[in-house]
Amino acid sequence: MSMFGDGLDQAVQRTFTRPVPKSAGAQMRYLVKQLKGTKAVAQMLRISQRTVERYVKDQIKKPRPDLAARLEREVKARWQPQIRAKAKERAATTGGIVIDTRARLGYTAPIGSTDQDRIRHLTVALPPQYAARLFEAQEQGATEQRLQELAAEALKEVYFQDGGRRAGQLEEVRFTDIEHLEFDL
């Protein structure tokens, strides 16, 4: 499970203007239309072409749990691409992104400061440049670790250093033991 990647995807999905198809038949018909054929859908979902055809005709209504999860993931990944692109563009240029997390946060700082890690619950509005970095890294296939590092860097600059007004000698922020993580556009 990719906590950061999924969190960014869910934030974008909350901007959808129409609900994602719920039934297996409707999801399968949507994928067949998007991929222009049952063969491509069958290969993507790792099932037979005949099975796809039966879902399209509503001859099968309830998929196995693993197939249902793959089907839902693929439909959500393709649903309303223009709305998705506009939401990411808006967050990266004007709106920014809000990160709500409960995690162990600490930092490396000069001797004499209280830099011990502790559980913190933060809700921080990150400026557009950080949203742009996160979405760009995600689109380029960044690892979960890299997305976590980008979020830690953003929290360092926005929360701990308050945009350069304090904690200027802060070196790095540790962002570990994440209990809760949610993004909002």
Foldseek 3Di string as FASTA:
>chain_A
DQQLLVQVLVQLLVQDPDDQDDWQLVLLVVVCVVVVHLVVVCVQLVHDSVVSVCSVVVVDTDDDPVSSVSSVVVSSVPPPPVSSVVVLVCCQPPQPKKKWWWFWKFFDFDPPDPGDTDTDTDIDGFHNNLSNVLVVCVVVPHDSVVSVQSVQVRCCCCPVCVPVVDRVRIDGMDTDPIPDIHMHD
